[in-house]
Amino acid sequence: MDNKPVSYHFDSEKEEDTYRLARELTRLFVPGTVIGLDGDLGAGKTTFSKAVGQALEVQETVNSPTFTIIKEYEGRTMPFYHMDVYRITQEEAEDMGLDDYFYGDGVTLVEWASIIGGILPEEHLSVYIENTGWTARRFHLAPAGAIYEKWCSVLKEQGTIHDKCIEA
């Protein structure tokens, strides 16, 4: 996991585990939450995004905004802004005003977040998804900021995520 040497982790053996992690995280969300999501192609970024949408009780189908860059959904308690920045540069993201979403009244989840890392808020939660088997994944959660560190501590106390681990 580049540029994030210390993280918490969650092991998912099947898709249902990914949905469980999303539900547990979503319970902690507040307006202005920013989740930066990275991982290889096919690692499960869009699956995790769908799981977050379901946990936020979005009624529409959540799918990848690869060509539209951003999709806005209305969740039960707050809006859900789902971005996929794979096909744009940081400069284009700045010109599009994507950073305006980060300080709004909803939750922003950015797939391929490392591409626009320079405009992400200083405080956010980075999630890197690693393929560890046919259906198995390891989620690395790296909190930046007190609120996200607290969330990870809460999830660790609940047994949802595991102790910090040092990446090689």
N, C-alpha and C. Protein backbone atom coordinates (compact mmCIF):
# COMPACT_ATOMS: atom_id res chain seq x y z
N MET A 1 0.86 -1.17 0.00
CA MET A 1 0.00 0.00 0.00
C MET A 1 0.90 1.23 0.00
N ASP A 2 0.96 1.93 -1.06
CA ASP A 2 1.87 3.06 -1.23
C ASP A 2 1.47 4.24 -0.36
N ASN A 3 2.47 4.91 0.24
CA ASN A 3 2.29 6.15 1.00
C ASN A 3 1.44 6.00 2.25
N LYS A 4 1.08 4.82 2.65
CA LYS A 4 0.30 4.59 3.86
C LYS A 4 0.92 3.40 4.59
N PRO A 5 2.06 3.61 5.28
CA PRO A 5 2.77 2.48 5.85
C PRO A 5 2.09 1.82 7.05
N VAL A 6 1.19 2.50 7.72
CA VAL A 6 0.54 1.93 8.89
C VAL A 6 -0.97 1.93 8.65
N SER A 7 -1.61 0.80 8.90
CA SER A 7 -3.04 0.74 8.68
C SER A 7 -3.68 -0.32 9.57
N TYR A 8 -4.99 -0.26 9.65
CA TYR A 8 -5.78 -1.32 10.23
C TYR A 8 -6.17 -2.23 9.06
N HIS A 9 -6.63 -3.42 9.37
CA HIS A 9 -7.05 -4.27 8.26
C HIS A 9 -8.29 -5.08 8.60
N PHE A 10 -8.96 -5.49 7.54
CA PHE A 10 -10.18 -6.30 7.61
C PHE A 10 -10.06 -7.35 6.52
N ASP A 11 -10.24 -8.61 6.89
CA ASP A 11 -10.18 -9.68 5.91
C ASP A 11 -11.58 -10.10 5.52
N SER A 12 -11.81 -10.14 4.22
CA SER A 12 -13.11 -10.52 3.65
C SER A 12 -12.91 -11.80 2.85
N GLU A 13 -13.64 -12.83 3.24
CA GLU A 13 -13.55 -14.10 2.52
C GLU A 13 -14.58 -14.17 1.38
N LYS A 14 -15.66 -13.39 1.52
CA LYS A 14 -16.72 -13.41 0.51
C LYS A 14 -17.38 -12.03 0.47
N GLU A 15 -18.19 -11.81 -0.54
CA GLU A 15 -18.83 -10.51 -0.75
C GLU A 15 -19.64 -10.06 0.46
N GLU A 16 -20.28 -10.99 1.14
CA GLU A 16 -21.08 -10.65 2.32
C GLU A 16 -20.22 -9.97 3.40
N ASP A 17 -18.97 -10.38 3.50
CA ASP A 17 -18.06 -9.76 4.47
C ASP A 17 -17.82 -8.29 4.11
N THR A 18 -17.67 -8.02 2.82
CA THR A 18 -17.48 -6.65 2.35
C THR A 18 -18.68 -5.79 2.72
N TYR A 19 -19.87 -6.34 2.55
CA TYR A 19 -21.09 -5.62 2.91
C TYR A 19 -21.16 -5.38 4.42
N ARG A 20 -20.67 -6.33 5.21
CA ARG A 20 -20.66 -6.16 6.66
C ARG A 20 -19.72 -5.02 7.06
N LEU A 21 -18.53 -4.97 6.46
CA LEU A 21 -17.60 -3.88 6.75
C LEU A 21 -18.24 -2.54 6.39
N ALA A 22 -18.87 -2.46 5.24
CA ALA A 22 -19.53 -1.21 4.82
C ALA A 22 -20.60 -0.79 5.82
N ARG A 23 -21.41 -1.75 6.28
CA ARG A 23 -22.46 -1.43 7.27
C ARG A 23 -21.85 -0.87 8.55
N GLU A 24 -20.80 -1.50 9.03
CA GLU A 24 -20.17 -1.06 10.28
C GLU A 24 -19.57 0.34 10.13
N LEU A 25 -18.91 0.58 9.01
CA LEU A 25 -18.33 1.91 8.75
C LEU A 25 -19.42 2.96 8.62
N THR A 26 -20.46 2.65 7.88
CA THR A 26 -21.51 3.61 7.59
C THR A 26 -22.22 4.09 8.85
N ARG A 27 -22.28 3.25 9.86
CA ARG A 27 -22.89 3.66 11.13
C ARG A 27 -22.15 4.83 11.76
N LEU A 28 -20.91 5.03 11.39
CA LEU A 28 -20.08 6.10 11.95
C LEU A 28 -20.07 7.36 11.10
N PHE A 29 -20.56 7.29 9.88
CA PHE A 29 -20.51 8.41 8.95
C PHE A 29 -21.25 9.64 9.48
N VAL A 30 -20.69 10.79 9.17
CA VAL A 30 -21.29 12.09 9.46
C VAL A 30 -21.20 12.91 8.17
N PRO A 31 -22.01 13.97 8.02
CA PRO A 31 -21.87 14.81 6.84
C PRO A 31 -20.41 15.29 6.70
N GLY A 32 -19.90 15.22 5.48
CA GLY A 32 -18.52 15.61 5.22
C GLY A 32 -17.55 14.45 5.25
N THR A 33 -18.04 13.24 5.45
CA THR A 33 -17.17 12.05 5.43
C THR A 33 -16.56 11.89 4.05
N VAL A 34 -15.25 11.62 4.01
CA VAL A 34 -14.57 11.37 2.74
C VAL A 34 -13.80 10.05 2.86
N ILE A 35 -14.11 9.14 1.94
CA ILE A 35 -13.44 7.84 1.87
C ILE A 35 -12.68 7.79 0.55
N GLY A 36 -11.38 7.61 0.62
CA GLY A 36 -10.56 7.43 -0.57
C GLY A 36 -10.34 5.95 -0.78
N LEU A 37 -10.69 5.45 -1.94
CA LEU A 37 -10.68 4.01 -2.21
C LEU A 37 -9.71 3.71 -3.34
N ASP A 38 -8.81 2.78 -3.08
CA ASP A 38 -7.84 2.36 -4.09
C ASP A 38 -7.71 0.84 -4.08
N GLY A 39 -7.09 0.31 -5.10
CA GLY A 39 -6.86 -1.13 -5.24
C GLY A 39 -6.71 -1.44 -6.72
N ASP A 40 -6.22 -2.64 -6.99
CA ASP A 40 -6.06 -3.06 -8.37
C ASP A 40 -7.40 -3.16 -9.08
N LEU A 41 -7.36 -3.21 -10.42
CA LEU A 41 -8.57 -3.48 -11.20
C LEU A 41 -9.16 -4.79 -10.72
N GLY A 42 -10.46 -4.79 -10.48
CA GLY A 42 -11.13 -6.01 -10.06
C GLY A 42 -10.98 -6.35 -8.58
N ALA A 43 -10.40 -5.45 -7.81
CA ALA A 43 -10.19 -5.73 -6.39
C ALA A 43 -11.48 -5.65 -5.58
N GLY A 44 -12.47 -4.91 -6.07
CA GLY A 44 -13.73 -4.81 -5.36
C GLY A 44 -14.12 -3.41 -4.94
N LYS A 45 -13.54 -2.40 -5.59
CA LYS A 45 -13.87 -1.02 -5.24
C LYS A 45 -15.35 -0.71 -5.48
N THR A 46 -15.85 -1.13 -6.63
CA THR A 46 -17.26 -0.85 -6.92
C THR A 46 -18.18 -1.69 -6.04
N THR A 47 -17.79 -2.91 -5.73
CA THR A 47 -18.58 -3.73 -4.81
C THR A 47 -18.67 -3.05 -3.44
N PHE A 48 -17.55 -2.54 -2.97
CA PHE A 48 -17.56 -1.84 -1.68
C PHE A 48 -18.43 -0.58 -1.77
N SER A 49 -18.35 0.13 -2.89
CA SER A 49 -19.17 1.33 -3.10
C SER A 49 -20.65 0.98 -3.08
N LYS A 50 -21.03 -0.12 -3.73
CA LYS A 50 -22.42 -0.58 -3.71
C LYS A 50 -22.85 -0.91 -2.28
N ALA A 51 -21.95 -1.53 -1.53
CA ALA A 51 -22.24 -1.89 -0.14
C ALA A 51 -22.47 -0.64 0.71
N VAL A 52 -21.67 0.40 0.49
CA VAL A 52 -21.86 1.66 1.21
C VAL A 52 -23.21 2.26 0.83
N GLY A 53 -23.53 2.26 -0.47
CA GLY A 53 -24.83 2.78 -0.91
C GLY A 53 -25.98 2.03 -0.26
N GLN A 54 -25.89 0.72 -0.21
CA GLN A 54 -26.94 -0.07 0.43
C GLN A 54 -27.04 0.27 1.91
N ALA A 55 -25.90 0.41 2.60
CA ALA A 55 -25.91 0.74 4.02
C ALA A 55 -26.49 2.13 4.27
N LEU A 56 -26.31 3.05 3.32
CA LEU A 56 -26.89 4.39 3.44
C LEU A 56 -28.36 4.41 3.00
N GLU A 57 -28.86 3.24 2.60
CA GLU A 57 -30.25 3.07 2.16
C GLU A 57 -30.58 3.88 0.91
N VAL A 58 -29.62 3.88 -0.02
CA VAL A 58 -29.84 4.48 -1.35
C VAL A 58 -30.81 3.55 -2.09
N GLN A 59 -31.85 4.10 -2.66
CA GLN A 59 -32.87 3.30 -3.35
C GLN A 59 -32.49 2.98 -4.80
N GLU A 60 -31.62 3.79 -5.40
CA GLU A 60 -31.20 3.57 -6.78
C GLU A 60 -30.11 2.51 -6.83
N THR A 61 -29.86 1.99 -8.02
CA THR A 61 -28.76 1.07 -8.22
C THR A 61 -27.45 1.86 -8.23
N VAL A 62 -26.54 1.49 -7.36
CA VAL A 62 -25.23 2.13 -7.32
C VAL A 62 -24.32 1.35 -8.26
N ASN A 63 -23.76 2.06 -9.24
CA ASN A 63 -22.81 1.42 -10.15
C ASN A 63 -21.66 2.38 -10.41
N SER A 64 -20.66 1.89 -11.09
CA SER A 64 -19.44 2.66 -11.28
C SER A 64 -19.67 3.91 -12.14
N PRO A 65 -19.23 5.06 -11.65
CA PRO A 65 -19.34 6.29 -12.44
C PRO A 65 -18.11 6.52 -13.32
N THR A 66 -17.57 5.45 -13.88
CA THR A 66 -16.32 5.52 -14.64
C THR A 66 -16.33 6.61 -15.70
N PHE A 67 -17.39 6.71 -16.48
CA PHE A 67 -17.41 7.68 -17.57
C PHE A 67 -18.12 8.98 -17.21
N THR A 68 -18.90 8.98 -16.15
CA THR A 68 -19.58 10.20 -15.73
C THR A 68 -18.81 10.91 -14.62
N ILE A 69 -17.79 10.29 -14.09
CA ILE A 69 -16.91 10.79 -13.02
C ILE A 69 -17.61 10.79 -11.66
N ILE A 70 -18.82 11.30 -11.58
CA ILE A 70 -19.52 11.36 -10.29
C ILE A 70 -21.00 11.04 -10.46
N LYS A 71 -21.50 10.32 -9.49
CA LYS A 71 -22.94 10.07 -9.40
C LYS A 71 -23.40 10.49 -8.02
N GLU A 72 -24.53 11.15 -7.99
CA GLU A 72 -25.11 11.61 -6.73
C GLU A 72 -26.33 10.77 -6.41
N TYR A 73 -26.40 10.29 -5.18
CA TYR A 73 -27.52 9.48 -4.73
C TYR A 73 -28.08 10.08 -3.45
N GLU A 74 -29.36 9.87 -3.23
CA GLU A 74 -29.97 10.33 -1.98
C GLU A 74 -30.10 9.14 -1.06
N GLY A 75 -29.38 9.19 0.06
CA GLY A 75 -29.49 8.16 1.07
C GLY A 75 -30.57 8.54 2.07
N ARG A 76 -30.88 7.62 2.97
CA ARG A 76 -31.94 7.88 3.95
C ARG A 76 -31.57 9.04 4.87
N THR A 77 -30.31 9.12 5.32
CA THR A 77 -29.92 10.16 6.27
C THR A 77 -29.05 11.25 5.66
N MET A 78 -28.40 10.95 4.54
CA MET A 78 -27.55 11.96 3.90
C MET A 78 -27.24 11.55 2.47
N PRO A 79 -26.84 12.51 1.64
CA PRO A 79 -26.49 12.19 0.26
C PRO A 79 -25.22 11.35 0.18
N PHE A 80 -25.11 10.61 -0.91
CA PHE A 80 -23.94 9.77 -1.18
C PHE A 80 -23.39 10.21 -2.53
N TYR A 81 -22.14 10.68 -2.52
CA TYR A 81 -21.46 11.12 -3.74
C TYR A 81 -20.41 10.08 -4.08
N HIS A 82 -20.57 9.43 -5.21
CA HIS A 82 -19.70 8.34 -5.62
C HIS A 82 -18.89 8.78 -6.84
N MET A 83 -17.58 8.88 -6.67
CA MET A 83 -16.71 9.34 -7.75
C MET A 83 -15.80 8.21 -8.22
N ASP A 84 -15.47 8.25 -9.50
CA ASP A 84 -14.45 7.38 -10.08
C ASP A 84 -13.55 8.30 -10.89
N VAL A 85 -12.35 8.53 -10.40
CA VAL A 85 -11.45 9.51 -11.02
C VAL A 85 -10.33 8.85 -11.83
N TYR A 86 -10.53 7.60 -12.20
CA TYR A 86 -9.50 6.86 -12.93
C TYR A 86 -9.10 7.54 -14.23
N ARG A 87 -10.03 8.17 -14.90
CA ARG A 87 -9.79 8.73 -16.23
C ARG A 87 -9.50 10.23 -16.25
N ILE A 88 -9.27 10.83 -15.09
CA ILE A 88 -8.97 12.26 -15.08
C ILE A 88 -7.69 12.53 -14.30
N THR A 89 -7.16 13.73 -14.48
CA THR A 89 -5.97 14.14 -13.74
C THR A 89 -6.39 14.96 -12.52
N GLN A 90 -5.44 15.20 -11.66
CA GLN A 90 -5.73 16.03 -10.50
C GLN A 90 -6.14 17.44 -10.94
N GLU A 91 -5.48 17.95 -11.96
CA GLU A 91 -5.82 19.29 -12.48
C GLU A 91 -7.25 19.32 -13.00
N GLU A 92 -7.65 18.29 -13.73
CA GLU A 92 -9.03 18.22 -14.23
C GLU A 92 -10.02 18.15 -13.07
N ALA A 93 -9.67 17.37 -12.04
CA ALA A 93 -10.54 17.26 -10.85
C ALA A 93 -10.71 18.63 -10.19
N GLU A 94 -9.61 19.38 -10.11
CA GLU A 94 -9.68 20.73 -9.53
C GLU A 94 -10.58 21.63 -10.37
N ASP A 95 -10.39 21.56 -11.70
CA ASP A 95 -11.20 22.39 -12.61
C ASP A 95 -12.68 22.03 -12.54
N MET A 96 -12.98 20.78 -12.30
CA MET A 96 -14.38 20.33 -12.21
C MET A 96 -15.01 20.67 -10.86
N GLY A 97 -14.19 21.08 -9.90
CA GLY A 97 -14.70 21.42 -8.59
C GLY A 97 -15.11 20.21 -7.75
N LEU A 98 -14.48 19.07 -8.00
CA LEU A 98 -14.84 17.87 -7.24
C LEU A 98 -14.62 18.04 -5.75
N ASP A 99 -13.66 18.87 -5.39
CA ASP A 99 -13.39 19.07 -3.97
C ASP A 99 -14.55 19.75 -3.23
N ASP A 100 -15.45 20.40 -3.95
CA ASP A 100 -16.63 20.99 -3.31
C ASP A 100 -17.47 19.93 -2.60
N TYR A 101 -17.49 18.73 -3.15
CA TYR A 101 -18.26 17.65 -2.55
C TYR A 101 -17.71 17.24 -1.18
N PHE A 102 -16.41 17.39 -1.01
CA PHE A 102 -15.76 16.92 0.22
C PHE A 102 -16.23 17.68 1.45
N TYR A 103 -16.72 18.87 1.25
CA TYR A 103 -17.09 19.72 2.38
C TYR A 103 -18.59 19.95 2.45
N GLY A 104 -19.34 19.07 1.80
CA GLY A 104 -20.79 19.22 1.75
C GLY A 104 -21.48 18.47 2.87
N ASP A 105 -22.75 18.18 2.62
CA ASP A 105 -23.59 17.58 3.64
C ASP A 105 -23.74 16.07 3.47
N GLY A 106 -22.89 15.48 2.64
CA GLY A 106 -23.01 14.05 2.39
C GLY A 106 -21.73 13.29 2.63
N VAL A 107 -21.73 12.07 2.13
CA VAL A 107 -20.58 11.17 2.18
C VAL A 107 -20.01 11.10 0.77
N THR A 108 -18.70 11.30 0.66
CA THR A 108 -18.05 11.20 -0.64
C THR A 108 -17.11 10.01 -0.64
N LEU A 109 -17.31 9.12 -1.59
CA LEU A 109 -16.43 7.97 -1.77
C LEU A 109 -15.76 8.12 -3.12
N VAL A 110 -14.43 8.12 -3.13
CA VAL A 110 -13.66 8.37 -4.35
C VAL A 110 -12.88 7.11 -4.73
N GLU A 111 -13.30 6.47 -5.83
CA GLU A 111 -12.53 5.35 -6.35
C GLU A 111 -11.30 5.89 -7.08
N TRP A 112 -10.16 5.23 -6.89
CA TRP A 112 -8.87 5.65 -7.44
C TRP A 112 -8.42 6.98 -6.83
N ALA A 113 -8.68 7.15 -5.56
CA ALA A 113 -8.43 8.40 -4.86
C ALA A 113 -6.97 8.87 -4.93
N SER A 114 -6.04 7.96 -5.01
CA SER A 114 -4.63 8.36 -5.03
C SER A 114 -4.31 9.24 -6.24
N ILE A 115 -5.11 9.15 -7.30
CA ILE A 115 -4.89 9.97 -8.50
C ILE A 115 -5.10 11.45 -8.19
N ILE A 116 -6.02 11.75 -7.28
CA ILE A 116 -6.31 13.14 -6.94
C ILE A 116 -5.96 13.44 -5.47
N GLY A 117 -4.99 12.71 -4.96
CA GLY A 117 -4.62 12.83 -3.55
C GLY A 117 -4.33 14.25 -3.10
N GLY A 118 -3.86 15.09 -3.98
CA GLY A 118 -3.52 16.46 -3.63
C GLY A 118 -4.72 17.34 -3.32
N ILE A 119 -5.92 16.92 -3.74
CA ILE A 119 -7.09 17.74 -3.42
C ILE A 119 -8.00 17.09 -2.38
N LEU A 120 -7.66 15.88 -1.95
CA LEU A 120 -8.44 15.27 -0.88
C LEU A 120 -8.26 16.08 0.40
N PRO A 121 -9.27 16.13 1.23
CA PRO A 121 -9.09 16.84 2.50
C PRO A 121 -7.97 16.19 3.31
N GLU A 122 -7.33 16.98 4.14
CA GLU A 122 -6.27 16.46 4.99
C GLU A 122 -6.79 15.31 5.85
N GLU A 123 -8.03 15.44 6.32
CA GLU A 123 -8.66 14.40 7.11
C GLU A 123 -9.62 13.59 6.24
N HIS A 124 -9.32 12.30 6.12
CA HIS A 124 -10.15 11.37 5.35
C HIS A 124 -9.74 9.94 5.73
N LEU A 125 -10.50 8.98 5.26
CA LEU A 125 -10.15 7.58 5.49
C LEU A 125 -9.74 6.97 4.16
N SER A 126 -8.51 6.48 4.10
CA SER A 126 -8.05 5.77 2.90
C SER A 126 -8.31 4.29 3.09
N VAL A 127 -8.89 3.69 2.07
CA VAL A 127 -9.15 2.26 2.08
C VAL A 127 -8.50 1.68 0.82
N TYR A 128 -7.60 0.73 1.04
CA TYR A 128 -6.94 0.05 -0.07
C TYR A 128 -7.40 -1.40 -0.04
N ILE A 129 -7.90 -1.89 -1.18
CA ILE A 129 -8.39 -3.26 -1.26
C ILE A 129 -7.37 -4.11 -2.02
N GLU A 130 -6.97 -5.18 -1.37
CA GLU A 130 -5.97 -6.09 -1.93
C GLU A 130 -6.63 -7.45 -2.20
N ASN A 131 -6.44 -7.99 -3.42
CA ASN A 131 -6.89 -9.35 -3.72
C ASN A 131 -6.00 -10.32 -2.96
N THR A 132 -6.61 -11.23 -2.21
CA THR A 132 -5.83 -12.24 -1.49
C THR A 132 -6.27 -13.65 -1.87
N GLY A 133 -7.21 -13.77 -2.78
CA GLY A 133 -7.71 -15.06 -3.24
C GLY A 133 -8.84 -14.86 -4.23
N TRP A 134 -9.44 -15.96 -4.68
CA TRP A 134 -10.49 -15.87 -5.69
C TRP A 134 -11.60 -14.92 -5.26
N THR A 135 -12.11 -15.06 -4.05
CA THR A 135 -13.14 -14.15 -3.54
C THR A 135 -12.65 -13.40 -2.30
N ALA A 136 -11.45 -13.70 -1.85
CA ALA A 136 -10.92 -13.11 -0.62
C ALA A 136 -10.25 -11.76 -0.89
N ARG A 137 -10.44 -10.85 0.04
CA ARG A 137 -9.84 -9.52 -0.04
C ARG A 137 -9.32 -9.12 1.34
N ARG A 138 -8.30 -8.28 1.35
CA ARG A 138 -7.87 -7.63 2.58
C ARG A 138 -8.06 -6.14 2.37
N PHE A 139 -8.80 -5.53 3.29
CA PHE A 139 -9.03 -4.09 3.28
C PHE A 139 -8.04 -3.46 4.25
N HIS A 140 -7.28 -2.49 3.76
CA HIS A 140 -6.35 -1.73 4.60
C HIS A 140 -7.00 -0.37 4.85
N LEU A 141 -7.23 -0.03 6.09
CA LEU A 141 -7.85 1.23 6.45
C LEU A 141 -6.81 2.12 7.10
N ALA A 142 -6.54 3.26 6.50
CA ALA A 142 -5.54 4.20 7.01
C ALA A 142 -6.23 5.53 7.31
N PRO A 143 -6.48 5.78 8.59
CA PRO A 143 -7.16 7.03 8.96
C PRO A 143 -6.20 8.22 8.94
N ALA A 144 -6.69 9.33 8.42
CA ALA A 144 -5.95 10.60 8.47
C ALA A 144 -6.86 11.59 9.18
N GLY A 145 -6.55 11.87 10.42
CA GLY A 145 -7.36 12.79 11.21
C GLY A 145 -7.99 12.10 12.39
N ALA A 146 -8.28 12.88 13.41
CA ALA A 146 -8.76 12.36 14.69
C ALA A 146 -10.07 11.59 14.56
N ILE A 147 -11.03 12.11 13.79
CA ILE A 147 -12.32 11.43 13.70
C ILE A 147 -12.18 10.06 13.06
N TYR A 148 -11.36 9.95 12.03
CA TYR A 148 -11.18 8.68 11.35
C TYR A 148 -10.37 7.71 12.20
N GLU A 149 -9.42 8.22 12.95
CA GLU A 149 -8.67 7.38 13.89
C GLU A 149 -9.62 6.84 14.96
N LYS A 150 -10.53 7.69 15.43
CA LYS A 150 -11.51 7.24 16.42
C LYS A 150 -12.40 6.15 15.84
N TRP A 151 -12.85 6.34 14.61
CA TRP A 151 -13.68 5.33 13.96
C TRP A 151 -12.96 3.99 13.92
N CYS A 152 -11.68 4.01 13.53
CA CYS A 152 -10.92 2.76 13.46
C CYS A 152 -10.76 2.15 14.85
N SER A 153 -10.57 2.97 15.86
CA SER A 153 -10.49 2.45 17.23
C SER A 153 -11.80 1.79 17.65
N VAL A 154 -12.92 2.42 17.32
CA VAL A 154 -14.24 1.85 17.63
C VAL A 154 -14.41 0.51 16.92
N LEU A 155 -14.09 0.47 15.64
CA LEU A 155 -14.24 -0.77 14.87
C LEU A 155 -13.30 -1.86 15.39
N LYS A 156 -12.12 -1.46 15.85
CA LYS A 156 -11.19 -2.43 16.44
C LYS A 156 -11.75 -2.97 17.75
N GLU A 157 -12.28 -2.10 18.59
CA GLU A 157 -12.87 -2.53 19.86
C GLU A 157 -14.04 -3.48 19.63
N GLN A 158 -14.80 -3.26 18.56
CA GLN A 158 -15.94 -4.12 18.22
C GLN A 158 -15.49 -5.45 17.61
N GLY A 159 -14.21 -5.54 17.25
CA GLY A 159 -13.71 -6.75 16.61
C GLY A 159 -13.93 -6.79 15.11
N THR A 160 -14.37 -5.67 14.54
CA THR A 160 -14.62 -5.62 13.10
C THR A 160 -13.31 -5.57 12.32
N ILE A 161 -12.38 -4.72 12.77
CA ILE A 161 -11.07 -4.63 12.11
C ILE A 161 -10.01 -5.05 13.12
N HIS A 162 -8.81 -5.28 12.60
CA HIS A 162 -7.72 -5.80 13.42
C HIS A 162 -6.68 -4.72 13.69
N ASP A 163 -5.81 -5.04 14.63
CA ASP A 163 -4.74 -4.13 15.01
C ASP A 163 -4.02 -3.57 13.81
N LYS A 164 -3.37 -2.45 14.07
CA LYS A 164 -2.55 -1.86 13.03
C LYS A 164 -1.52 -2.90 12.58
N CYS A 165 -1.20 -2.86 11.32
CA CYS A 165 -0.15 -3.74 10.80
C CYS A 165 0.79 -2.89 9.97
N ILE A 166 2.04 -3.25 9.97
CA ILE A 166 3.05 -2.54 9.18
C ILE A 166 3.17 -3.25 7.84
N GLU A 167 3.01 -2.48 6.78
CA GLU A 167 3.12 -3.04 5.44
C GLU A 167 4.59 -3.12 5.04
N ALA A 168 4.91 -4.14 4.30
CA ALA A 168 6.30 -4.30 3.82
C ALA A 168 6.55 -3.37 2.66
